[in-house]
Amino acid sequence: MPRKKTFVQALDRLEEISSAVEDTKTSLEDSLKLYKEAAELFVFCNKSLNAAEAEIALIRCVASGDAVKEPFHADEI
């Protein structure tokens, strides 16, 4: 079973992809494959950031005593 990637691992891979695409030795075909991978990583990172933002909002609501509409579920990302 593959290990789930982390936000930091995804960012590191995006940096690697950026360097590879900037390298003039990378073929157009490889650049396109890397671009596709980068797009998927971007979606993953965006979902991770949105989930973190939702969790922070939930923590603030709980801390301030406000009513919580629905609990945060980290497994939804």
PDB file of N, CA and C in Angstrom:
ATOM      1  N   MET A   1       0.844  -1.184   0.000  1.00  0.00           N
ATOM      2  CA  MET A   1       0.000   0.000   0.000  1.00  0.00           C
ATOM      3  C   MET A   1       0.886   1.244   0.000  1.00  0.00           C
ATOM      4  N   PRO A   2       0.725   2.140  -0.991  1.00  0.00           N
ATOM      5  CA  PRO A   2       1.581   3.317  -1.057  1.00  0.00           C
ATOM      6  C   PRO A   2       1.310   4.282   0.103  1.00  0.00           C
ATOM      7  N   ARG A   3       2.376   4.898   0.557  1.00  0.00           N
ATOM      8  CA  ARG A   3       2.263   5.866   1.643  1.00  0.00           C
ATOM      9  C   ARG A   3       1.646   7.155   1.104  1.00  0.00           C
ATOM     10  N   LYS A   4       0.758   7.755   1.869  1.00  0.00           N
ATOM     11  CA  LYS A   4       0.110   8.996   1.468  1.00  0.00           C
ATOM     12  C   LYS A   4       1.126  10.136   1.493  1.00  0.00           C
ATOM     13  N   LYS A   5       1.138  10.938   0.446  1.00  0.00           N
ATOM     14  CA  LYS A   5       2.096  12.039   0.390  1.00  0.00           C
ATOM     15  C   LYS A   5       1.651  13.159   1.322  1.00  0.00           C
ATOM     16  N   THR A   6       2.625  13.921   1.772  1.00  0.00           N
ATOM     17  CA  THR A   6       2.336  15.052   2.639  1.00  0.00           C
ATOM     18  C   THR A   6       2.380  16.335   1.814  1.00  0.00           C
ATOM     19  N   PHE A   7       1.894  17.392   2.416  1.00  0.00           N
ATOM     20  CA  PHE A   7       1.922  18.702   1.779  1.00  0.00           C
ATOM     21  C   PHE A   7       3.364  19.100   1.457  1.00  0.00           C
ATOM     22  N   VAL A   8       4.255  18.891   2.403  1.00  0.00           N
ATOM     23  CA  VAL A   8       5.657  19.274   2.210  1.00  0.00           C
ATOM     24  C   VAL A   8       6.292  18.446   1.088  1.00  0.00           C
ATOM     25  N   GLN A   9       5.975  17.161   1.036  1.00  0.00           N
ATOM     26  CA  GLN A   9       6.504  16.322  -0.047  1.00  0.00           C
ATOM     27  C   GLN A   9       5.999  16.821  -1.404  1.00  0.00           C
ATOM     28  N   ALA A  10       4.743  17.209  -1.462  1.00  0.00           N
ATOM     29  CA  ALA A  10       4.180  17.717  -2.717  1.00  0.00           C
ATOM     30  C   ALA A  10       4.866  19.018  -3.124  1.00  0.00           C
ATOM     31  N   LEU A  11       5.108  19.907  -2.162  1.00  0.00           N
ATOM     32  CA  LEU A  11       5.807  21.160  -2.478  1.00  0.00           C
ATOM     33  C   LEU A  11       7.228  20.897  -2.960  1.00  0.00           C
ATOM     34  N   ASP A  12       7.907  19.959  -2.296  1.00  0.00           N
ATOM     35  CA  ASP A  12       9.267  19.602  -2.723  1.00  0.00           C
ATOM     36  C   ASP A  12       9.270  19.088  -4.161  1.00  0.00           C
ATOM     37  N   ARG A  13       8.302  18.250  -4.470  1.00  0.00           N
ATOM     38  CA  ARG A  13       8.220  17.696  -5.834  1.00  0.00           C
ATOM     39  C   ARG A  13       7.911  18.806  -6.833  1.00  0.00           C
ATOM     40  N   LEU A  14       7.059  19.760  -6.457  1.00  0.00           N
ATOM     41  CA  LEU A  14       6.769  20.884  -7.351  1.00  0.00           C
ATOM     42  C   LEU A  14       8.040  21.688  -7.643  1.00  0.00           C
ATOM     43  N   GLU A  15       8.889  21.853  -6.645  1.00  0.00           N
ATOM     44  CA  GLU A  15      10.162  22.549  -6.858  1.00  0.00           C
ATOM     45  C   GLU A  15      11.057  21.766  -7.820  1.00  0.00           C
ATOM     46  N   GLU A  16      11.088  20.439  -7.656  1.00  0.00           N
ATOM     47  CA  GLU A  16      11.880  19.601  -8.562  1.00  0.00           C
ATOM     48  C   GLU A  16      11.367  19.718  -9.990  1.00  0.00           C
ATOM     49  N   ILE A  17      10.057  19.697 -10.130  1.00  0.00           N
ATOM     50  CA  ILE A  17       9.444  19.797 -11.458  1.00  0.00           C
ATOM     51  C   ILE A  17       9.768  21.144 -12.084  1.00  0.00           C
ATOM     52  N   SER A  18       9.679  22.198 -11.300  1.00  0.00           N
ATOM     53  CA  SER A  18       9.979  23.536 -11.801  1.00  0.00           C
ATOM     54  C   SER A  18      11.405  23.611 -12.347  1.00  0.00           C
ATOM     55  N   SER A  19      12.339  23.050 -11.601  1.00  0.00           N
ATOM     56  CA  SER A  19      13.742  23.045 -12.054  1.00  0.00           C
ATOM     57  C   SER A  19      13.906  22.234 -13.332  1.00  0.00           C
ATOM     58  N   ALA A  20      13.249  21.087 -13.390  1.00  0.00           N
ATOM     59  CA  ALA A  20      13.375  20.227 -14.565  1.00  0.00           C
ATOM     60  C   ALA A  20      12.794  20.893 -15.803  1.00  0.00           C
ATOM     61  N   VAL A  21      11.665  21.571 -15.660  1.00  0.00           N
ATOM     62  CA  VAL A  21      11.028  22.218 -16.807  1.00  0.00           C
ATOM     63  C   VAL A  21      11.868  23.403 -17.285  1.00  0.00           C
ATOM     64  N   GLU A  22      12.528  24.069 -16.355  1.00  0.00           N
ATOM     65  CA  GLU A  22      13.392  25.194 -16.726  1.00  0.00           C
ATOM     66  C   GLU A  22      14.671  24.743 -17.414  1.00  0.00           C
ATOM     67  N   ASP A  23      15.057  23.501 -17.210  1.00  0.00           N
ATOM     68  CA  ASP A  23      16.271  22.957 -17.810  1.00  0.00           C
ATOM     69  C   ASP A  23      16.044  22.784 -19.318  1.00  0.00           C
ATOM     70  N   THR A  24      16.910  23.377 -20.093  1.00  0.00           N
ATOM     71  CA  THR A  24      16.759  23.304 -21.551  1.00  0.00           C
ATOM     72  C   THR A  24      16.984  21.901 -22.103  1.00  0.00           C
ATOM     73  N   LYS A  25      17.521  21.003 -21.292  1.00  0.00           N
ATOM     74  CA  LYS A  25      17.750  19.630 -21.742  1.00  0.00           C
ATOM     75  C   LYS A  25      16.499  18.755 -21.622  1.00  0.00           C
ATOM     76  N   THR A  26      15.466  19.251 -20.921  1.00  0.00           N
ATOM     77  CA  THR A  26      14.230  18.486 -20.759  1.00  0.00           C
ATOM     78  C   THR A  26      13.429  18.582 -22.049  1.00  0.00           C
ATOM     79  N   SER A  27      13.054  17.429 -22.589  1.00  0.00           N
ATOM     80  CA  SER A  27      12.305  17.414 -23.850  1.00  0.00           C
ATOM     81  C   SER A  27      10.902  17.974 -23.664  1.00  0.00           C
ATOM     82  N   LEU A  28      10.288  18.340 -24.763  1.00  0.00           N
ATOM     83  CA  LEU A  28       8.924  18.854 -24.728  1.00  0.00           C
ATOM     84  C   LEU A  28       7.978  17.809 -24.161  1.00  0.00           C
ATOM     85  N   GLU A  29       8.152  16.562 -24.584  1.00  0.00           N
ATOM     86  CA  GLU A  29       7.292  15.486 -24.101  1.00  0.00           C
ATOM     87  C   GLU A  29       7.413  15.307 -22.588  1.00  0.00           C
ATOM     88  N   ASP A  30       8.657  15.321 -22.101  1.00  0.00           N
ATOM     89  CA  ASP A  30       8.870  15.192 -20.658  1.00  0.00           C
ATOM     90  C   ASP A  30       8.318  16.406 -19.915  1.00  0.00           C
ATOM     91  N   SER A  31       8.484  17.581 -20.499  1.00  0.00           N
ATOM     92  CA  SER A  31       7.950  18.793 -19.890  1.00  0.00           C
ATOM     93  C   SER A  31       6.432  18.722 -19.755  1.00  0.00           C
ATOM     94  N   LEU A  32       5.769  18.178 -20.753  1.00  0.00           N
ATOM     95  CA  LEU A  32       4.314  18.040 -20.695  1.00  0.00           C
ATOM     96  C   LEU A  32       3.892  17.057 -19.604  1.00  0.00           C
ATOM     97  N   LYS A  33       4.631  15.958 -19.483  1.00  0.00           N
ATOM     98  CA  LYS A  33       4.338  14.988 -18.416  1.00  0.00           C
ATOM     99  C   LYS A  33       4.531  15.632 -17.049  1.00  0.00           C
ATOM    100  N   LEU A  34       5.604  16.389 -16.919  1.00  0.00           N
ATOM    101  CA  LEU A  34       5.883  17.066 -15.654  1.00  0.00           C
ATOM    102  C   LEU A  34       4.824  18.122 -15.350  1.00  0.00           C
ATOM    103  N   TYR A  35       4.370  18.813 -16.391  1.00  0.00           N
ATOM    104  CA  TYR A  35       3.325  19.826 -16.204  1.00  0.00           C
ATOM    105  C   TYR A  35       2.049  19.167 -15.686  1.00  0.00           C
ATOM    106  N   LYS A  36       1.704  18.014 -16.239  1.00  0.00           N
ATOM    107  CA  LYS A  36       0.513  17.290 -15.778  1.00  0.00           C
ATOM    108  C   LYS A  36       0.671  16.879 -14.316  1.00  0.00           C
ATOM    109  N   GLU A  37       1.835  16.361 -13.963  1.00  0.00           N
ATOM    110  CA  GLU A  37       2.079  15.978 -12.575  1.00  0.00           C
ATOM    111  C   GLU A  37       1.985  17.203 -11.660  1.00  0.00           C
ATOM    112  N   ALA A  38       2.541  18.320 -12.111  1.00  0.00           N
ATOM    113  CA  ALA A  38       2.496  19.549 -11.318  1.00  0.00           C
ATOM    114  C   ALA A  38       1.060  20.018 -11.098  1.00  0.00           C
ATOM    115  N   ALA A  39       0.225  19.896 -12.121  1.00  0.00           N
ATOM    116  CA  ALA A  39      -1.177  20.294 -11.992  1.00  0.00           C
ATOM    117  C   ALA A  39      -1.881  19.441 -10.931  1.00  0.00           C
ATOM    118  N   GLU A  40      -1.585  18.145 -10.918  1.00  0.00           N
ATOM    119  CA  GLU A  40      -2.184  17.252  -9.916  1.00  0.00           C
ATOM    120  C   GLU A  40      -1.677  17.587  -8.514  1.00  0.00           C
ATOM    121  N   LEU A  41      -0.400  17.905  -8.408  1.00  0.00           N
ATOM    122  CA  LEU A  41       0.159  18.291  -7.114  1.00  0.00           C
ATOM    123  C   LEU A  41      -0.438  19.608  -6.629  1.00  0.00           C
ATOM    124  N   PHE A  42      -0.672  20.529  -7.559  1.00  0.00           N
ATOM    125  CA  PHE A  42      -1.285  21.804  -7.204  1.00  0.00           C
ATOM    126  C   PHE A  42      -2.672  21.580  -6.608  1.00  0.00           C
ATOM    127  N   VAL A  43      -3.452  20.710  -7.215  1.00  0.00           N
ATOM    128  CA  VAL A  43      -4.792  20.401  -6.702  1.00  0.00           C
ATOM    129  C   VAL A  43      -4.678  19.819  -5.292  1.00  0.00           C
ATOM    130  N   PHE A  44      -3.762  18.885  -5.103  1.00  0.00           N
ATOM    131  CA  PHE A  44      -3.555  18.282  -3.782  1.00  0.00           C
ATOM    132  C   PHE A  44      -3.184  19.353  -2.758  1.00  0.00           C
ATOM    133  N   CYS A  45      -2.237  20.219  -3.106  1.00  0.00           N
ATOM    134  CA  CYS A  45      -1.800  21.270  -2.181  1.00  0.00           C
ATOM    135  C   CYS A  45      -2.936  22.234  -1.867  1.00  0.00           C
ATOM    136  N   ASN A  46      -3.703  22.591  -2.886  1.00  0.00           N
ATOM    137  CA  ASN A  46      -4.820  23.506  -2.690  1.00  0.00           C
ATOM    138  C   ASN A  46      -5.861  22.902  -1.745  1.00  0.00           C
ATOM    139  N   LYS A  47      -6.175  21.624  -1.928  1.00  0.00           N
ATOM    140  CA  LYS A  47      -7.122  20.946  -1.027  1.00  0.00           C
ATOM    141  C   LYS A  47      -6.565  20.892   0.392  1.00  0.00           C
ATOM    142  N   SER A  48      -5.275  20.638   0.519  1.00  0.00           N
ATOM    143  CA  SER A  48      -4.649  20.579   1.843  1.00  0.00           C
ATOM    144  C   SER A  48      -4.733  21.928   2.544  1.00  0.00           C
ATOM    145  N   LEU A  49      -4.454  22.996   1.808  1.00  0.00           N
ATOM    146  CA  LEU A  49      -4.530  24.331   2.394  1.00  0.00           C
ATOM    147  C   LEU A  49      -5.960  24.694   2.773  1.00  0.00           C
ATOM    148  N   ASN A  50      -6.920  24.337   1.930  1.00  0.00           N
ATOM    149  CA  ASN A  50      -8.324  24.604   2.243  1.00  0.00           C
ATOM    150  C   ASN A  50      -8.762  23.846   3.490  1.00  0.00           C
ATOM    151  N   ALA A  51      -8.314  22.604   3.627  1.00  0.00           N
ATOM    152  CA  ALA A  51      -8.649  21.810   4.808  1.00  0.00           C
ATOM    153  C   ALA A  51      -8.028  22.419   6.057  1.00  0.00           C
ATOM    154  N   ALA A  52      -6.795  22.875   5.961  1.00  0.00           N
ATOM    155  CA  ALA A  52      -6.136  23.502   7.107  1.00  0.00           C
ATOM    156  C   ALA A  52      -6.868  24.783   7.503  1.00  0.00           C
ATOM    157  N   GLU A  53      -7.278  25.551   6.518  1.00  0.00           N
ATOM    158  CA  GLU A  53      -8.033  26.777   6.778  1.00  0.00           C
ATOM    159  C   GLU A  53      -9.354  26.463   7.480  1.00  0.00           C
ATOM    160  N   ALA A  54     -10.033  25.413   7.040  1.00  0.00           N
ATOM    161  CA  ALA A  54     -11.296  25.014   7.663  1.00  0.00           C
ATOM    162  C   ALA A  54     -11.064  24.560   9.101  1.00  0.00           C
ATOM    163  N   GLU A  55      -9.980  23.847   9.342  1.00  0.00           N
ATOM    164  CA  GLU A  55      -9.678  23.390  10.690  1.00  0.00           C
ATOM    165  C   GLU A  55      -9.374  24.575  11.609  1.00  0.00           C
ATOM    166  N   ILE A  56      -8.642  25.552  11.097  1.00  0.00           N
ATOM    167  CA  ILE A  56      -8.337  26.753  11.879  1.00  0.00           C
ATOM    168  C   ILE A  56      -9.628  27.498  12.217  1.00  0.00           C
ATOM    169  N   ALA A  57     -10.527  27.621  11.250  1.00  0.00           N
ATOM    170  CA  ALA A  57     -11.804  28.287  11.495  1.00  0.00           C
ATOM    171  C   ALA A  57     -12.597  27.546  12.564  1.00  0.00           C
ATOM    172  N   LEU A  58     -12.577  26.214  12.514  1.00  0.00           N
ATOM    173  CA  LEU A  58     -13.275  25.402  13.512  1.00  0.00           C
ATOM    174  C   LEU A  58     -12.667  25.613  14.897  1.00  0.00           C
ATOM    175  N   ILE A  59     -11.363  25.617  14.971  1.00  0.00           N
ATOM    176  CA  ILE A  59     -10.685  25.833  16.257  1.00  0.00           C
ATOM    177  C   ILE A  59     -11.052  27.196  16.820  1.00  0.00           C
ATOM    178  N   ARG A  60     -11.093  28.211  15.966  1.00  0.00           N
ATOM    179  CA  ARG A  60     -11.468  29.551  16.423  1.00  0.00           C
ATOM    180  C   ARG A  60     -12.901  29.585  16.935  1.00  0.00           C
ATOM    181  N   CYS A  61     -13.806  28.899  16.236  1.00  0.00           N
ATOM    182  CA  CYS A  61     -15.205  28.853  16.675  1.00  0.00           C
ATOM    183  C   CYS A  61     -15.320  28.183  18.038  1.00  0.00           C
ATOM    184  N   VAL A  62     -14.654  27.077  18.196  1.00  0.00           N
ATOM    185  CA  VAL A  62     -14.705  26.342  19.459  1.00  0.00           C
ATOM    186  C   VAL A  62     -14.099  27.191  20.579  1.00  0.00           C
ATOM    187  N   ALA A  63     -12.975  27.831  20.289  1.00  0.00           N
ATOM    188  CA  ALA A  63     -12.285  28.637  21.299  1.00  0.00           C
ATOM    189  C   ALA A  63     -13.121  29.845  21.721  1.00  0.00           C
ATOM    190  N   SER A  64     -13.870  30.411  20.788  1.00  0.00           N
ATOM    191  CA  SER A  64     -14.667  31.593  21.109  1.00  0.00           C
ATOM    192  C   SER A  64     -16.044  31.238  21.656  1.00  0.00           C
ATOM    193  N   GLY A  65     -16.398  29.949  21.622  1.00  0.00           N
ATOM    194  CA  GLY A  65     -17.690  29.518  22.129  1.00  0.00           C
ATOM    195  C   GLY A  65     -18.815  29.637  21.124  1.00  0.00           C
ATOM    196  N   ASP A  66     -18.503  29.937  19.879  1.00  0.00           N
ATOM    197  CA  ASP A  66     -19.523  30.017  18.831  1.00  0.00           C
ATOM    198  C   ASP A  66     -20.050  28.631  18.495  1.00  0.00           C
ATOM    199  N   ALA A  67     -21.233  28.609  17.956  1.00  0.00           N
ATOM    200  CA  ALA A  67     -21.814  27.335  17.522  1.00  0.00           C
ATOM    201  C   ALA A  67     -21.050  26.815  16.317  1.00  0.00           C
ATOM    202  N   VAL A  68     -20.811  25.520  16.301  1.00  0.00           N
ATOM    203  CA  VAL A  68     -20.118  24.875  15.190  1.00  0.00           C
ATOM    204  C   VAL A  68     -21.161  24.189  14.327  1.00  0.00           C
ATOM    205  N   LYS A  69     -21.210  24.572  13.032  1.00  0.00           N
ATOM    206  CA  LYS A  69     -22.216  24.016  12.126  1.00  0.00           C
ATOM    207  C   LYS A  69     -21.936  22.564  11.792  1.00  0.00           C
ATOM    208  N   GLU A  70     -20.698  22.274  11.468  1.00  0.00           N
ATOM    209  CA  GLU A  70     -20.361  20.898  11.080  1.00  0.00           C
ATOM    210  C   GLU A  70     -18.898  20.647  11.390  1.00  0.00           C
ATOM    211  N   PRO A  71     -18.564  19.489  11.896  1.00  0.00           N
ATOM    212  CA  PRO A  71     -17.178  19.211  12.287  1.00  0.00           C
ATOM    213  C   PRO A  71     -16.262  19.063  11.079  1.00  0.00           C
ATOM    214  N   PHE A  72     -15.009  19.313  11.311  1.00  0.00           N
ATOM    215  CA  PHE A  72     -13.968  19.165  10.305  1.00  0.00           C
ATOM    216  C   PHE A  72     -13.555  17.699  10.232  1.00  0.00           C
ATOM    217  N   HIS A  73     -13.361  17.197   9.020  1.00  0.00           N
ATOM    218  CA  HIS A  73     -12.900  15.816   8.818  1.00  0.00           C
ATOM    219  C   HIS A  73     -11.636  15.845   7.972  1.00  0.00           C
ATOM    220  N   ALA A  74     -10.499  15.589   8.581  1.00  0.00           N
ATOM    221  CA  ALA A  74      -9.216  15.641   7.879  1.00  0.00           C
ATOM    222  C   ALA A  74      -9.119  14.596   6.774  1.00  0.00           C
ATOM    223  N   ASP A  75      -9.876  13.516   6.879  1.00  0.00           N
ATOM    224  CA  ASP A  75      -9.785  12.468   5.871  1.00  0.00           C
ATOM    225  C   ASP A  75     -10.486  12.822   4.567  1.00  0.00           C
ATOM    226  N   GLU A  76     -11.092  14.007   4.483  1.00  0.00           N
ATOM    227  CA  GLU A  76     -11.787  14.413   3.265  1.00  0.00           C
ATOM    228  C   GLU A  76     -10.851  14.966   2.215  1.00  0.00           C
ATOM    229  N   ILE A  77      -9.570  15.160   2.544  1.00  0.00           N
ATOM    230  CA  ILE A  77      -8.641  15.682   1.549  1.00  0.00           C
ATOM    231  C   ILE A  77      -7.978  14.574   0.797  1.00  0.00           C
TER     232      ILE A  77
END
